[in-house]
Amino acid sequence: MKRILSGLVLLFFIFACKPDYTPEQMEYISTIKKHRSATDEYMENNSNSPFNFKGKVEFHPLNYFDVDPEFKFSSKLYVHNKKDTIAIYGTKGEKRTSVRYGYVQFSFRNQDYKLNVYQSNSRNGNIYYSIWFTDKTTNELTYGVGRYLDFDISDNPDYIYDIDFNMAYNPYCAYSKEYSCAIPTKDDYLDLAVTAGEKKFHD
């Protein structure tokens, strides 16, 4: 009888604590889960993935926090009038340069935060934009170097961007020592626990 009562109490707490998401949020959660499944399929099977391209690395599904719509934000891009070129270091110690192009900002639980947006050149000369960050989960629950967010620039200066931490991912060096990735600077630290996106791959 005690076991039955204990089980009922546990079920009560599980369902009582389950977030009451709207249909739109449930659809969003489903979209993120499908993206994660597609990422796993690419990482495991594509010849260009970090698990296959520079020597075979043992694969297991990537680790994630549960999808949390609370960690999706919107912001304009605030472009700096003076764009400073700064030194960025890779995980193998090499010095790189990148332009601090601008920033996005968001509010979370009555606190304001901002994320730098960097402009860099790829090896083939193409310009690309990046967001990378560390936070209170770094080196505990998440990769010790930091995590990245994709950022595609719009021609519209009033464009509103999604800043979705559920899409935060590890750079390739998190899976294989054959890769080097940019290390976020002290100015890229968020003083909160971003419990969204990808966790550590290696325990």
C-alpha atoms as a PDB file:
ATOM      1  CA  MET A   1       0.000   0.000   0.000  1.00  0.00           C
ATOM      2  CA  LYS A   2       2.837   2.377   0.905  1.00  0.00           C
ATOM      3  CA  ARG A   3       4.483   1.704  -2.470  1.00  0.00           C
ATOM      4  CA  ILE A   4       1.237   2.527  -4.289  1.00  0.00           C
ATOM      5  CA  LEU A   5       0.841   5.768  -2.326  1.00  0.00           C
ATOM      6  CA  SER A   6       4.465   6.710  -2.994  1.00  0.00           C
ATOM      7  CA  GLY A   7       3.955   6.110  -6.701  1.00  0.00           C
ATOM      8  CA  LEU A   8       0.827   8.247  -6.769  1.00  0.00           C
ATOM      9  CA  VAL A   9       2.602  11.066  -4.958  1.00  0.00           C
ATOM     10  CA  LEU A  10       5.488  10.910  -7.462  1.00  0.00           C
ATOM     11  CA  LEU A  11       3.097  11.043 -10.411  1.00  0.00           C
ATOM     12  CA  PHE A  12       1.320  13.995  -8.846  1.00  0.00           C
ATOM     13  CA  PHE A  13       4.551  15.974  -8.583  1.00  0.00           C
ATOM     14  CA  ILE A  14       5.623  15.067 -12.116  1.00  0.00           C
ATOM     15  CA  PHE A  15       2.383  16.312 -13.654  1.00  0.00           C
ATOM     16  CA  ALA A  16       2.023  19.239 -11.262  1.00  0.00           C
ATOM     17  CA  CYS A  17       5.473  20.534 -12.224  1.00  0.00           C
ATOM     18  CA  LYS A  18       5.048  20.042 -15.963  1.00  0.00           C
ATOM     19  CA  PRO A  19       4.956  23.467 -17.691  1.00  0.00           C
ATOM     20  CA  ASP A  20       1.617  24.424 -19.188  1.00  0.00           C
ATOM     21  CA  TYR A  21       2.740  25.288 -22.721  1.00  0.00           C
ATOM     22  CA  THR A  22       0.536  26.920 -25.341  1.00  0.00           C
ATOM     23  CA  PRO A  23      -0.073  25.141 -28.674  1.00  0.00           C
ATOM     24  CA  GLU A  24       2.381  27.570 -30.310  1.00  0.00           C
ATOM     25  CA  GLN A  25       5.047  26.725 -27.741  1.00  0.00           C
ATOM     26  CA  MET A  26       4.443  23.000 -28.204  1.00  0.00           C
ATOM     27  CA  GLU A  27       4.905  23.425 -31.960  1.00  0.00           C
ATOM     28  CA  TYR A  28       8.125  25.352 -31.326  1.00  0.00           C
ATOM     29  CA  ILE A  29       9.416  22.619 -28.989  1.00  0.00           C
ATOM     30  CA  SER A  30       8.642  20.000 -31.633  1.00  0.00           C
ATOM     31  CA  THR A  31      10.579  22.020 -34.242  1.00  0.00           C
ATOM     32  CA  ILE A  32      13.663  22.218 -32.002  1.00  0.00           C
ATOM     33  CA  LYS A  33      13.503  18.474 -31.307  1.00  0.00           C
ATOM     34  CA  LYS A  34      13.355  17.734 -35.046  1.00  0.00           C
ATOM     35  CA  HIS A  35      16.372  19.978 -35.590  1.00  0.00           C
ATOM     36  CA  ARG A  36      18.285  18.080 -32.902  1.00  0.00           C
ATOM     37  CA  SER A  37      17.440  14.742 -34.499  1.00  0.00           C
ATOM     38  CA  ALA A  38      18.660  16.016 -37.865  1.00  0.00           C
ATOM     39  CA  THR A  39      21.873  17.258 -36.236  1.00  0.00           C
ATOM     40  CA  ASP A  40      22.498  13.830 -34.699  1.00  0.00           C
ATOM     41  CA  GLU A  41      21.968  12.171 -38.070  1.00  0.00           C
ATOM     42  CA  TYR A  42      24.444  14.560 -39.722  1.00  0.00           C
ATOM     43  CA  MET A  43      27.045  14.215 -36.973  1.00  0.00           C
ATOM     44  CA  GLU A  44      26.929  10.433 -37.031  1.00  0.00           C
ATOM     45  CA  ASN A  45      26.793   9.800 -40.758  1.00  0.00           C
ATOM     46  CA  ASN A  46      28.064  12.749 -42.795  1.00  0.00           C
ATOM     47  CA  SER A  47      31.666  12.443 -43.985  1.00  0.00           C
ATOM     48  CA  ASN A  48      32.289  16.137 -43.220  1.00  0.00           C
ATOM     49  CA  SER A  49      31.139  15.993 -39.609  1.00  0.00           C
ATOM     50  CA  PRO A  50      33.737  16.271 -36.804  1.00  0.00           C
ATOM     51  CA  PHE A  51      33.113  12.618 -36.002  1.00  0.00           C
ATOM     52  CA  ASN A  52      34.267  11.475 -39.451  1.00  0.00           C
ATOM     53  CA  PHE A  53      36.299  14.136 -41.287  1.00  0.00           C
ATOM     54  CA  LYS A  54      39.602  14.206 -39.362  1.00  0.00           C
ATOM     55  CA  GLY A  55      39.693  10.637 -38.125  1.00  0.00           C
ATOM     56  CA  LYS A  56      36.876   8.609 -36.659  1.00  0.00           C
ATOM     57  CA  VAL A  57      35.520   9.753 -33.280  1.00  0.00           C
ATOM     58  CA  GLU A  58      33.126   7.555 -31.346  1.00  0.00           C
ATOM     59  CA  PHE A  59      29.629   8.960 -31.691  1.00  0.00           C
ATOM     60  CA  HIS A  60      26.733   9.055 -29.294  1.00  0.00           C
ATOM     61  CA  PRO A  61      23.706  11.355 -29.479  1.00  0.00           C
ATOM     62  CA  LEU A  62      24.478  14.927 -28.477  1.00  0.00           C
ATOM     63  CA  ASN A  63      23.437  16.038 -25.010  1.00  0.00           C
ATOM     64  CA  TYR A  64      20.892  18.808 -24.572  1.00  0.00           C
ATOM     65  CA  PHE A  65      18.885  20.632 -21.959  1.00  0.00           C
ATOM     66  CA  ASP A  66      15.130  20.225 -22.331  1.00  0.00           C
ATOM     67  CA  VAL A  67      13.721  22.732 -24.808  1.00  0.00           C
ATOM     68  CA  ASP A  68      12.659  25.836 -22.879  1.00  0.00           C
ATOM     69  CA  PRO A  69      10.716  28.577 -24.730  1.00  0.00           C
ATOM     70  CA  GLU A  70      11.678  30.993 -21.940  1.00  0.00           C
ATOM     71  CA  PHE A  71      15.205  31.086 -23.413  1.00  0.00           C
ATOM     72  CA  LYS A  72      14.119  32.442 -26.793  1.00  0.00           C
ATOM     73  CA  PHE A  73      14.443  36.222 -27.190  1.00  0.00           C
ATOM     74  CA  SER A  74      14.196  38.895 -29.879  1.00  0.00           C
ATOM     75  CA  SER A  75      16.440  41.882 -30.541  1.00  0.00           C
ATOM     76  CA  LYS A  76      17.546  44.401 -33.100  1.00  0.00           C
ATOM     77  CA  LEU A  77      21.215  44.407 -34.044  1.00  0.00           C
ATOM     78  CA  TYR A  78      22.945  47.467 -32.621  1.00  0.00           C
ATOM     79  CA  VAL A  79      25.862  48.124 -34.975  1.00  0.00           C
ATOM     80  CA  HIS A  80      28.894  49.917 -33.539  1.00  0.00           C
ATOM     81  CA  ASN A  81      29.820  53.199 -35.219  1.00  0.00           C
ATOM     82  CA  LYS A  82      33.442  52.391 -34.465  1.00  0.00           C
ATOM     83  CA  LYS A  83      34.135  48.730 -35.089  1.00  0.00           C
ATOM     84  CA  ASP A  84      37.212  47.597 -33.173  1.00  0.00           C
ATOM     85  CA  THR A  85      39.410  44.783 -34.433  1.00  0.00           C
ATOM     86  CA  ILE A  86      40.342  42.570 -31.515  1.00  0.00           C
ATOM     87  CA  ALA A  87      42.511  39.520 -30.893  1.00  0.00           C
ATOM     88  CA  ILE A  88      40.741  36.202 -30.522  1.00  0.00           C
ATOM     89  CA  TYR A  89      42.614  33.034 -29.625  1.00  0.00           C
ATOM     90  CA  GLY A  90      41.885  29.511 -30.762  1.00  0.00           C
ATOM     91  CA  THR A  91      41.966  26.456 -28.528  1.00  0.00           C
ATOM     92  CA  LYS A  92      45.328  25.466 -30.016  1.00  0.00           C
ATOM     93  CA  GLY A  93      46.819  28.806 -29.013  1.00  0.00           C
ATOM     94  CA  GLU A  94      46.788  30.486 -32.404  1.00  0.00           C
ATOM     95  CA  LYS A  95      45.995  34.207 -32.567  1.00  0.00           C
ATOM     96  CA  ARG A  96      43.134  35.350 -34.758  1.00  0.00           C
ATOM     97  CA  THR A  97      41.550  38.726 -35.400  1.00  0.00           C
ATOM     98  CA  SER A  98      37.876  39.528 -35.449  1.00  0.00           C
ATOM     99  CA  VAL A  99      35.810  42.711 -35.692  1.00  0.00           C
ATOM    100  CA  ARG A 100      33.441  43.548 -32.858  1.00  0.00           C
ATOM    101  CA  TYR A 101      30.617  44.441 -35.226  1.00  0.00           C
ATOM    102  CA  GLY A 102      27.738  45.144 -32.846  1.00  0.00           C
ATOM    103  CA  TYR A 103      25.547  43.552 -30.222  1.00  0.00           C
ATOM    104  CA  VAL A 104      22.079  42.243 -29.446  1.00  0.00           C
ATOM    105  CA  GLN A 105      20.338  42.572 -26.117  1.00  0.00           C
ATOM    106  CA  PHE A 106      17.641  40.825 -24.119  1.00  0.00           C
ATOM    107  CA  SER A 107      15.989  40.825 -20.706  1.00  0.00           C
ATOM    108  CA  PHE A 108      15.647  37.758 -18.524  1.00  0.00           C
ATOM    109  CA  ARG A 109      13.958  37.768 -15.119  1.00  0.00           C
ATOM    110  CA  ASN A 110      14.212  41.533 -14.786  1.00  0.00           C
ATOM    111  CA  GLN A 111      17.893  41.675 -15.728  1.00  0.00           C
ATOM    112  CA  ASP A 112      19.308  43.123 -18.951  1.00  0.00           C
ATOM    113  CA  TYR A 113      22.038  41.348 -20.931  1.00  0.00           C
ATOM    114  CA  LYS A 114      23.872  41.832 -24.194  1.00  0.00           C
ATOM    115  CA  LEU A 115      25.754  39.576 -26.581  1.00  0.00           C
ATOM    116  CA  ASN A 116      28.528  40.704 -28.892  1.00  0.00           C
ATOM    117  CA  VAL A 117      28.265  39.981 -32.604  1.00  0.00           C
ATOM    118  CA  TYR A 118      31.602  39.390 -34.337  1.00  0.00           C
ATOM    119  CA  GLN A 119      32.565  39.713 -37.983  1.00  0.00           C
ATOM    120  CA  SER A 120      35.265  37.359 -39.230  1.00  0.00           C
ATOM    121  CA  ASN A 121      36.791  36.061 -42.456  1.00  0.00           C
ATOM    122  CA  SER A 122      36.785  32.383 -43.318  1.00  0.00           C
ATOM    123  CA  ARG A 123      39.824  30.700 -44.866  1.00  0.00           C
ATOM    124  CA  ASN A 124      38.333  31.104 -48.336  1.00  0.00           C
ATOM    125  CA  GLY A 125      37.811  34.837 -47.753  1.00  0.00           C
ATOM    126  CA  ASN A 126      34.085  34.843 -47.048  1.00  0.00           C
ATOM    127  CA  ILE A 127      32.741  37.149 -44.335  1.00  0.00           C
ATOM    128  CA  TYR A 128      30.634  35.573 -41.620  1.00  0.00           C
ATOM    129  CA  TYR A 129      29.126  36.690 -38.308  1.00  0.00           C
ATOM    130  CA  SER A 130      29.241  34.900 -34.975  1.00  0.00           C
ATOM    131  CA  ILE A 131      27.943  34.983 -31.439  1.00  0.00           C
ATOM    132  CA  TRP A 132      29.826  33.022 -28.825  1.00  0.00           C
ATOM    133  CA  PHE A 133      29.407  33.102 -25.081  1.00  0.00           C
ATOM    134  CA  THR A 134      30.133  31.602 -21.697  1.00  0.00           C
ATOM    135  CA  ASP A 135      27.794  31.591 -18.719  1.00  0.00           C
ATOM    136  CA  LYS A 136      27.349  30.103 -15.249  1.00  0.00           C
ATOM    137  CA  THR A 137      26.935  26.584 -16.668  1.00  0.00           C
ATOM    138  CA  THR A 138      30.281  26.704 -18.528  1.00  0.00           C
ATOM    139  CA  ASN A 139      32.694  23.936 -17.564  1.00  0.00           C
ATOM    140  CA  GLU A 140      30.045  22.445 -15.284  1.00  0.00           C
ATOM    141  CA  LEU A 141      27.058  21.370 -17.362  1.00  0.00           C
ATOM    142  CA  THR A 142      28.260  22.805 -20.661  1.00  0.00           C
ATOM    143  CA  TYR A 143      31.463  22.773 -22.720  1.00  0.00           C
ATOM    144  CA  GLY A 144      34.351  24.481 -20.943  1.00  0.00           C
ATOM    145  CA  VAL A 145      35.387  26.694 -23.860  1.00  0.00           C
ATOM    146  CA  GLY A 146      31.907  28.107 -24.448  1.00  0.00           C
ATOM    147  CA  ARG A 147      29.037  27.781 -26.878  1.00  0.00           C
ATOM    148  CA  TYR A 148      28.023  29.401 -30.163  1.00  0.00           C
ATOM    149  CA  LEU A 149      24.895  30.781 -31.805  1.00  0.00           C
ATOM    150  CA  ASP A 150      24.523  31.166 -35.562  1.00  0.00           C
ATOM    151  CA  PHE A 151      23.899  34.731 -36.715  1.00  0.00           C
ATOM    152  CA  ASP A 152      22.921  35.761 -40.241  1.00  0.00           C
ATOM    153  CA  ILE A 153      22.916  39.489 -41.011  1.00  0.00           C
ATOM    154  CA  SER A 154      19.841  41.057 -42.621  1.00  0.00           C
ATOM    155  CA  ASP A 155      20.043  44.035 -44.991  1.00  0.00           C
ATOM    156  CA  ASN A 156      17.135  45.601 -43.102  1.00  0.00           C
ATOM    157  CA  PRO A 157      18.508  47.792 -40.261  1.00  0.00           C
ATOM    158  CA  ASP A 158      15.218  47.396 -38.383  1.00  0.00           C
ATOM    159  CA  TYR A 159      15.191  43.607 -38.652  1.00  0.00           C
ATOM    160  CA  ILE A 160      14.289  41.767 -35.436  1.00  0.00           C
ATOM    161  CA  TYR A 161      16.526  38.742 -34.821  1.00  0.00           C
ATOM    162  CA  ASP A 162      15.744  35.593 -32.863  1.00  0.00           C
ATOM    163  CA  ILE A 163      18.233  35.001 -30.057  1.00  0.00           C
ATOM    164  CA  ASP A 164      17.401  31.392 -29.280  1.00  0.00           C
ATOM    165  CA  PHE A 165      19.572  29.706 -26.667  1.00  0.00           C
ATOM    166  CA  ASN A 166      17.813  26.398 -27.331  1.00  0.00           C
ATOM    167  CA  MET A 167      19.882  26.472 -30.529  1.00  0.00           C
ATOM    168  CA  ALA A 168      23.185  27.088 -28.713  1.00  0.00           C
ATOM    169  CA  TYR A 169      25.726  24.499 -29.837  1.00  0.00           C
ATOM    170  CA  ASN A 170      29.250  23.326 -29.150  1.00  0.00           C
ATOM    171  CA  PRO A 171      32.074  24.130 -31.576  1.00  0.00           C
ATOM    172  CA  TYR A 172      33.751  21.166 -33.269  1.00  0.00           C
ATOM    173  CA  CYS A 173      36.661  21.159 -30.808  1.00  0.00           C
ATOM    174  CA  ALA A 174      34.189  19.899 -28.179  1.00  0.00           C
ATOM    175  CA  TYR A 175      34.139  16.541 -29.981  1.00  0.00           C
ATOM    176  CA  SER A 176      37.647  16.196 -31.407  1.00  0.00           C
ATOM    177  CA  LYS A 177      41.072  17.616 -30.489  1.00  0.00           C
ATOM    178  CA  GLU A 178      41.820  17.806 -34.207  1.00  0.00           C
ATOM    179  CA  TYR A 179      39.867  21.066 -34.369  1.00  0.00           C
ATOM    180  CA  SER A 180      40.591  24.529 -33.011  1.00  0.00           C
ATOM    181  CA  CYS A 181      37.801  26.947 -32.188  1.00  0.00           C
ATOM    182  CA  ALA A 182      37.561  30.566 -31.096  1.00  0.00           C
ATOM    183  CA  ILE A 183      37.596  31.127 -27.338  1.00  0.00           C
ATOM    184  CA  PRO A 184      35.015  33.644 -26.086  1.00  0.00           C
ATOM    185  CA  THR A 185      36.532  36.651 -24.334  1.00  0.00           C
ATOM    186  CA  LYS A 186      35.687  37.922 -20.847  1.00  0.00           C
ATOM    187  CA  ASP A 187      33.331  40.403 -22.554  1.00  0.00           C
ATOM    188  CA  ASP A 188      31.285  37.467 -23.873  1.00  0.00           C
ATOM    189  CA  TYR A 189      30.345  36.184 -20.413  1.00  0.00           C
ATOM    190  CA  LEU A 190      26.670  36.145 -19.412  1.00  0.00           C
ATOM    191  CA  ASP A 191      26.138  36.374 -15.676  1.00  0.00           C
ATOM    192  CA  LEU A 192      23.310  33.837 -15.630  1.00  0.00           C
ATOM    193  CA  ALA A 193      22.870  30.100 -16.035  1.00  0.00           C
ATOM    194  CA  VAL A 194      21.806  29.464 -19.627  1.00  0.00           C
ATOM    195  CA  THR A 195      20.131  26.103 -19.065  1.00  0.00           C
ATOM    196  CA  ALA A 196      19.213  25.731 -22.721  1.00  0.00           C
ATOM    197  CA  GLY A 197      20.888  24.338 -25.801  1.00  0.00           C
ATOM    198  CA  GLU A 198      23.687  21.810 -25.956  1.00  0.00           C
ATOM    199  CA  LYS A 199      25.427  20.340 -22.909  1.00  0.00           C
ATOM    200  CA  LYS A 200      28.875  18.760 -22.632  1.00  0.00           C
ATOM    201  CA  PHE A 201      29.520  15.938 -25.081  1.00  0.00           C
ATOM    202  CA  HIS A 202      32.255  14.233 -23.030  1.00  0.00           C
ATOM    203  CA  ASP A 203      31.520  13.573 -19.361  1.00  0.00           C
END
